[in-house]
């Protein structure tokens, strides 16, 4: 069982490397990257030219709701934080995860909060 999970993770990391070759966050359009663990979901906006994180949000402190409801909340939070930092356009990086489920919910909630990608 452990070998199956290891292969799944290495496949995601290989895919992540292929995606990151094509995607770069700039000053005008920073990169919105999503990481999903079994318990939590994290989103951060990164300027790859300087290597700085401009905004971040996670559901660690959100105690109520299911994982999907918390993912929507993370999308709203990252949208609001980006508005405060005057960021309106981003490049979306799904980090090697499939664009379904919680990843899609974060993206949709961020779009609804005003981010364009």
N, C-alpha and C. Protein backbone atom coordinates (compact mmCIF):
# COMPACT_ATOMS: atom_id res chain seq x y z
N UNK A 1 0.83 -1.20 0.00
CA UNK A 1 0.00 0.00 0.00
C UNK A 1 0.86 1.25 0.00
N UNK A 2 1.94 1.24 0.76
CA UNK A 2 2.80 2.40 0.84
C UNK A 2 3.47 2.66 -0.51
N UNK A 3 3.81 1.61 -1.25
CA UNK A 3 4.45 1.76 -2.54
C UNK A 3 3.51 2.46 -3.54
N UNK A 4 2.22 2.15 -3.47
CA UNK A 4 1.24 2.78 -4.36
C UNK A 4 1.18 4.28 -4.11
N UNK A 5 1.13 4.70 -2.85
CA UNK A 5 1.09 6.11 -2.51
C UNK A 5 2.37 6.81 -2.93
N UNK A 6 3.50 6.13 -2.80
CA UNK A 6 4.77 6.71 -3.18
C UNK A 6 4.80 6.97 -4.69
N UNK A 7 4.31 6.03 -5.47
CA UNK A 7 4.27 6.20 -6.91
C UNK A 7 3.32 7.32 -7.31
N UNK A 8 2.22 7.43 -6.62
CA UNK A 8 1.24 8.48 -6.91
C UNK A 8 1.84 9.86 -6.64
N UNK A 9 2.58 9.97 -5.53
CA UNK A 9 3.19 11.25 -5.19
C UNK A 9 4.32 11.60 -6.15
N UNK A 10 5.12 10.61 -6.52
CA UNK A 10 6.21 10.91 -7.46
C UNK A 10 5.66 11.29 -8.82
N UNK A 11 4.55 10.70 -9.21
CA UNK A 11 3.91 11.07 -10.48
C UNK A 11 3.44 12.53 -10.42
N UNK A 12 2.85 12.94 -9.29
CA UNK A 12 2.40 14.32 -9.14
C UNK A 12 3.58 15.28 -9.17
N UNK A 13 4.68 14.92 -8.53
CA UNK A 13 5.85 15.79 -8.52
C UNK A 13 6.48 15.91 -9.90
N UNK A 14 6.47 14.81 -10.67
CA UNK A 14 6.97 14.86 -12.05
C UNK A 14 6.12 15.79 -12.89
N UNK A 15 4.81 15.68 -12.73
CA UNK A 15 3.88 16.54 -13.46
C UNK A 15 4.04 17.99 -13.03
N UNK A 16 4.27 18.21 -11.74
CA UNK A 16 4.49 19.56 -11.21
C UNK A 16 5.69 20.21 -11.87
N UNK A 17 6.78 19.46 -12.02
CA UNK A 17 7.98 20.00 -12.67
C UNK A 17 7.69 20.40 -14.11
N UNK A 18 6.94 19.57 -14.83
CA UNK A 18 6.60 19.88 -16.22
C UNK A 18 5.76 21.13 -16.32
N UNK A 19 4.83 21.31 -15.38
CA UNK A 19 3.97 22.48 -15.39
C UNK A 19 4.78 23.73 -15.06
N UNK A 20 5.69 23.63 -14.09
CA UNK A 20 6.43 24.80 -13.62
C UNK A 20 7.41 25.33 -14.67
N UNK A 21 7.79 24.50 -15.64
CA UNK A 21 8.64 24.97 -16.72
C UNK A 21 7.88 26.01 -17.55
N UNK A 22 6.59 25.80 -17.69
CA UNK A 22 5.77 26.67 -18.54
C UNK A 22 5.18 27.86 -17.79
N UNK A 23 4.99 27.73 -16.48
CA UNK A 23 4.31 28.76 -15.70
C UNK A 23 5.32 29.54 -14.88
N UNK A 24 5.30 30.86 -15.01
CA UNK A 24 6.14 31.74 -14.20
C UNK A 24 5.29 32.89 -13.68
N UNK A 25 5.46 33.23 -12.44
CA UNK A 25 4.77 34.37 -11.86
C UNK A 25 5.62 35.62 -12.00
N UNK A 26 5.03 36.68 -12.54
CA UNK A 26 5.76 37.94 -12.72
C UNK A 26 5.18 38.99 -11.78
N UNK A 27 5.72 40.18 -11.88
CA UNK A 27 5.22 41.28 -11.06
C UNK A 27 3.77 41.62 -11.43
N UNK A 28 3.48 41.62 -12.75
CA UNK A 28 2.13 41.96 -13.22
C UNK A 28 1.15 40.82 -12.98
N UNK A 29 1.60 39.57 -13.19
CA UNK A 29 0.74 38.40 -13.01
C UNK A 29 1.46 37.37 -12.15
N UNK A 30 1.34 37.48 -10.82
CA UNK A 30 1.99 36.49 -9.96
C UNK A 30 1.29 35.13 -10.08
N UNK A 31 1.92 34.12 -9.55
CA UNK A 31 1.44 32.75 -9.67
C UNK A 31 0.63 32.38 -8.43
N UNK A 32 -0.62 31.95 -8.64
CA UNK A 32 -1.47 31.43 -7.56
C UNK A 32 -1.28 29.93 -7.52
N UNK A 33 -0.64 29.44 -6.48
CA UNK A 33 -0.36 28.01 -6.37
C UNK A 33 -1.19 27.40 -5.24
N UNK A 34 -1.68 26.21 -5.48
CA UNK A 34 -2.54 25.50 -4.55
C UNK A 34 -1.83 24.22 -4.09
N UNK A 35 -1.87 23.94 -2.80
CA UNK A 35 -1.38 22.66 -2.29
C UNK A 35 -2.49 22.03 -1.47
N UNK A 36 -2.73 20.76 -1.72
CA UNK A 36 -3.79 20.04 -1.02
C UNK A 36 -3.17 18.86 -0.27
N UNK A 37 -3.38 18.84 1.03
CA UNK A 37 -2.98 17.67 1.82
C UNK A 37 -4.24 16.91 2.18
N UNK A 38 -4.10 15.85 2.93
CA UNK A 38 -5.28 15.08 3.32
C UNK A 38 -6.17 15.86 4.27
N UNK A 39 -5.57 16.73 5.09
CA UNK A 39 -6.35 17.48 6.07
C UNK A 39 -6.68 18.89 5.63
N UNK A 40 -5.72 19.59 5.03
CA UNK A 40 -5.87 21.02 4.78
C UNK A 40 -5.63 21.37 3.32
N UNK A 41 -5.93 22.60 2.97
CA UNK A 41 -5.64 23.12 1.64
C UNK A 41 -5.02 24.50 1.80
N UNK A 42 -4.01 24.77 1.02
CA UNK A 42 -3.24 26.00 1.12
C UNK A 42 -3.22 26.69 -0.24
N UNK A 43 -3.25 28.01 -0.23
CA UNK A 43 -3.12 28.79 -1.45
C UNK A 43 -2.15 29.94 -1.18
N UNK A 44 -1.27 30.18 -2.14
CA UNK A 44 -0.39 31.33 -1.99
C UNK A 44 -0.11 31.95 -3.35
N UNK A 45 0.11 33.26 -3.33
CA UNK A 45 0.40 34.03 -4.53
C UNK A 45 1.88 34.39 -4.46
N UNK A 46 2.64 33.98 -5.50
CA UNK A 46 4.08 34.09 -5.49
C UNK A 46 4.57 34.89 -6.69
N UNK A 47 5.51 35.80 -6.46
CA UNK A 47 6.23 36.47 -7.53
C UNK A 47 7.52 35.69 -7.74
N UNK A 48 7.64 34.96 -8.84
CA UNK A 48 8.79 34.11 -9.07
C UNK A 48 10.04 34.89 -9.45
N UNK A 49 9.88 36.12 -9.92
CA UNK A 49 11.05 36.93 -10.28
C UNK A 49 11.87 37.29 -9.03
N UNK A 50 11.18 37.62 -7.95
CA UNK A 50 11.87 37.96 -6.70
C UNK A 50 11.86 36.81 -5.70
N UNK A 51 11.03 35.80 -5.94
CA UNK A 51 10.95 34.67 -5.02
C UNK A 51 10.20 34.98 -3.75
N UNK A 52 9.29 35.95 -3.79
CA UNK A 52 8.56 36.37 -2.58
C UNK A 52 7.11 35.92 -2.66
N UNK A 53 6.57 35.54 -1.50
CA UNK A 53 5.15 35.24 -1.38
C UNK A 53 4.43 36.54 -1.09
N UNK A 54 3.47 36.90 -1.95
CA UNK A 54 2.75 38.15 -1.82
C UNK A 54 1.49 38.01 -0.96
N UNK A 55 0.86 36.85 -1.00
CA UNK A 55 -0.36 36.61 -0.22
C UNK A 55 -0.48 35.11 0.02
N UNK A 56 -1.16 34.76 1.12
CA UNK A 56 -1.36 33.34 1.40
C UNK A 56 -2.63 33.16 2.20
N UNK A 57 -3.23 31.99 2.08
CA UNK A 57 -4.42 31.63 2.84
C UNK A 57 -4.45 30.11 3.01
N UNK A 58 -5.00 29.65 4.11
CA UNK A 58 -5.17 28.22 4.33
C UNK A 58 -6.38 28.00 5.23
N UNK A 59 -6.79 26.75 5.33
CA UNK A 59 -7.96 26.44 6.15
C UNK A 59 -7.56 25.83 7.50
N UNK A 60 -6.35 26.07 7.93
CA UNK A 60 -5.90 25.50 9.21
C UNK A 60 -6.71 26.06 10.37
N UNK A 61 -7.00 27.36 10.34
CA UNK A 61 -7.72 27.99 11.44
C UNK A 61 -9.24 27.89 11.29
N UNK A 62 -9.72 27.47 10.12
CA UNK A 62 -11.16 27.31 9.90
C UNK A 62 -11.55 25.95 10.46
N UNK A 63 -12.37 25.95 11.48
CA UNK A 63 -12.71 24.70 12.18
C UNK A 63 -14.04 24.11 11.72
N UNK A 64 -14.93 24.95 11.17
CA UNK A 64 -16.26 24.47 10.82
C UNK A 64 -16.32 24.04 9.36
N UNK A 65 -17.22 23.09 9.09
CA UNK A 65 -17.50 22.70 7.72
C UNK A 65 -16.71 21.50 7.25
N UNK A 66 -17.11 21.03 6.07
CA UNK A 66 -16.42 19.91 5.46
C UNK A 66 -15.20 20.42 4.71
N UNK A 67 -14.43 19.51 4.14
CA UNK A 67 -13.24 19.91 3.39
C UNK A 67 -13.60 20.78 2.19
N UNK A 68 -14.71 20.45 1.54
CA UNK A 68 -15.10 21.23 0.36
C UNK A 68 -15.56 22.63 0.76
N UNK A 69 -16.28 22.74 1.86
CA UNK A 69 -16.71 24.07 2.32
C UNK A 69 -15.50 24.90 2.74
N UNK A 70 -14.52 24.26 3.36
CA UNK A 70 -13.32 24.99 3.76
C UNK A 70 -12.50 25.39 2.54
N UNK A 71 -12.51 24.58 1.48
CA UNK A 71 -11.80 24.93 0.25
C UNK A 71 -12.41 26.18 -0.38
N UNK A 72 -13.75 26.28 -0.38
CA UNK A 72 -14.40 27.49 -0.88
C UNK A 72 -13.99 28.70 -0.05
N UNK A 73 -13.90 28.52 1.25
CA UNK A 73 -13.50 29.60 2.14
C UNK A 73 -12.07 30.07 1.85
N UNK A 74 -11.18 29.13 1.56
CA UNK A 74 -9.80 29.48 1.22
C UNK A 74 -9.76 30.30 -0.07
N UNK A 75 -10.59 29.93 -1.05
CA UNK A 75 -10.67 30.69 -2.29
C UNK A 75 -11.14 32.12 -2.05
N UNK A 76 -12.15 32.27 -1.18
CA UNK A 76 -12.63 33.62 -0.84
C UNK A 76 -11.54 34.41 -0.12
N UNK A 77 -10.87 33.76 0.84
CA UNK A 77 -9.83 34.44 1.61
C UNK A 77 -8.69 34.91 0.73
N UNK A 78 -8.23 34.05 -0.19
CA UNK A 78 -7.10 34.44 -1.05
C UNK A 78 -7.52 35.57 -1.99
N UNK A 79 -8.77 35.57 -2.42
CA UNK A 79 -9.27 36.67 -3.25
C UNK A 79 -9.29 37.99 -2.51
N UNK A 80 -9.73 37.96 -1.25
CA UNK A 80 -9.78 39.18 -0.44
C UNK A 80 -8.38 39.69 -0.11
N UNK A 81 -7.47 38.79 0.20
CA UNK A 81 -6.10 39.19 0.51
C UNK A 81 -5.44 39.81 -0.73
N UNK A 82 -5.71 39.24 -1.89
CA UNK A 82 -5.14 39.78 -3.13
C UNK A 82 -5.74 41.14 -3.46
N UNK A 83 -7.02 41.34 -3.18
CA UNK A 83 -7.62 42.67 -3.38
C UNK A 83 -6.92 43.70 -2.50
N UNK A 84 -6.65 43.33 -1.27
CA UNK A 84 -5.95 44.22 -0.35
C UNK A 84 -4.54 44.54 -0.81
N UNK A 85 -3.91 43.59 -1.51
CA UNK A 85 -2.55 43.79 -2.01
C UNK A 85 -2.55 44.35 -3.43
N UNK A 86 -3.74 44.72 -3.93
CA UNK A 86 -3.90 45.28 -5.28
C UNK A 86 -3.43 44.32 -6.37
N UNK A 87 -3.76 43.05 -6.21
CA UNK A 87 -3.46 42.03 -7.22
C UNK A 87 -4.79 41.60 -7.82
N UNK A 88 -4.93 41.74 -9.14
CA UNK A 88 -6.19 41.35 -9.77
C UNK A 88 -6.01 40.22 -10.77
N UNK A 89 -4.84 40.10 -11.38
CA UNK A 89 -4.59 39.04 -12.36
C UNK A 89 -3.49 38.11 -11.86
N UNK A 90 -3.74 36.82 -11.96
CA UNK A 90 -2.77 35.82 -11.54
C UNK A 90 -2.69 34.71 -12.58
N UNK A 91 -1.64 33.92 -12.47
CA UNK A 91 -1.48 32.71 -13.27
C UNK A 91 -1.77 31.54 -12.34
N UNK A 92 -2.64 30.63 -12.73
CA UNK A 92 -3.06 29.54 -11.85
C UNK A 92 -2.12 28.35 -11.98
N UNK A 93 -1.64 27.86 -10.85
CA UNK A 93 -0.77 26.69 -10.79
C UNK A 93 -1.43 25.65 -9.91
N UNK A 94 -1.89 24.56 -10.52
CA UNK A 94 -2.59 23.53 -9.75
C UNK A 94 -1.64 22.58 -9.06
N UNK A 95 -0.33 22.79 -9.27
CA UNK A 95 0.71 22.09 -8.50
C UNK A 95 0.72 20.58 -8.76
N UNK A 96 0.32 20.15 -9.94
CA UNK A 96 0.35 18.73 -10.27
C UNK A 96 -0.91 17.98 -9.87
N UNK A 97 -1.84 18.63 -9.19
CA UNK A 97 -3.10 17.99 -8.81
C UNK A 97 -4.09 18.09 -9.97
N UNK A 98 -5.02 17.16 -10.03
CA UNK A 98 -6.07 17.24 -11.05
C UNK A 98 -6.99 18.41 -10.74
N UNK A 99 -7.51 19.02 -11.79
CA UNK A 99 -8.38 20.20 -11.63
C UNK A 99 -9.81 19.73 -11.37
N UNK A 100 -10.02 19.09 -10.25
CA UNK A 100 -11.35 18.67 -9.82
C UNK A 100 -11.42 18.85 -8.32
N UNK A 101 -12.60 18.68 -7.78
CA UNK A 101 -12.78 18.67 -6.34
C UNK A 101 -12.38 19.96 -5.66
N UNK A 102 -11.57 19.82 -4.62
CA UNK A 102 -11.20 20.98 -3.81
C UNK A 102 -10.35 21.99 -4.57
N UNK A 103 -9.53 21.53 -5.51
CA UNK A 103 -8.70 22.45 -6.30
C UNK A 103 -9.61 23.35 -7.14
N UNK A 104 -10.60 22.76 -7.78
CA UNK A 104 -11.54 23.52 -8.60
C UNK A 104 -12.37 24.47 -7.75
N UNK A 105 -12.76 24.04 -6.56
CA UNK A 105 -13.54 24.90 -5.68
C UNK A 105 -12.75 26.13 -5.24
N UNK A 106 -11.48 25.95 -4.95
CA UNK A 106 -10.64 27.10 -4.58
C UNK A 106 -10.55 28.07 -5.75
N UNK A 107 -10.33 27.53 -6.95
CA UNK A 107 -10.20 28.38 -8.14
C UNK A 107 -11.50 29.14 -8.42
N UNK A 108 -12.63 28.46 -8.33
CA UNK A 108 -13.91 29.11 -8.59
C UNK A 108 -14.22 30.20 -7.56
N UNK A 109 -13.92 29.92 -6.30
CA UNK A 109 -14.18 30.92 -5.25
C UNK A 109 -13.24 32.11 -5.40
N UNK A 110 -12.00 31.87 -5.83
CA UNK A 110 -11.07 32.99 -6.06
C UNK A 110 -11.54 33.84 -7.24
N UNK A 111 -12.05 33.20 -8.27
CA UNK A 111 -12.61 33.96 -9.41
C UNK A 111 -13.80 34.79 -8.96
N UNK A 112 -14.65 34.19 -8.15
CA UNK A 112 -15.83 34.91 -7.65
C UNK A 112 -15.43 36.08 -6.77
N UNK A 113 -14.28 35.97 -6.11
CA UNK A 113 -13.80 37.05 -5.25
C UNK A 113 -13.11 38.16 -6.02
N UNK A 114 -12.93 37.97 -7.34
CA UNK A 114 -12.40 39.04 -8.16
C UNK A 114 -11.07 38.77 -8.84
N UNK A 115 -10.45 37.62 -8.61
CA UNK A 115 -9.20 37.32 -9.28
C UNK A 115 -9.47 36.88 -10.72
N UNK A 116 -8.59 37.26 -11.62
CA UNK A 116 -8.71 36.86 -13.03
C UNK A 116 -7.54 35.95 -13.38
N UNK A 117 -7.88 34.78 -13.93
CA UNK A 117 -6.85 33.87 -14.45
C UNK A 117 -7.45 32.94 -15.46
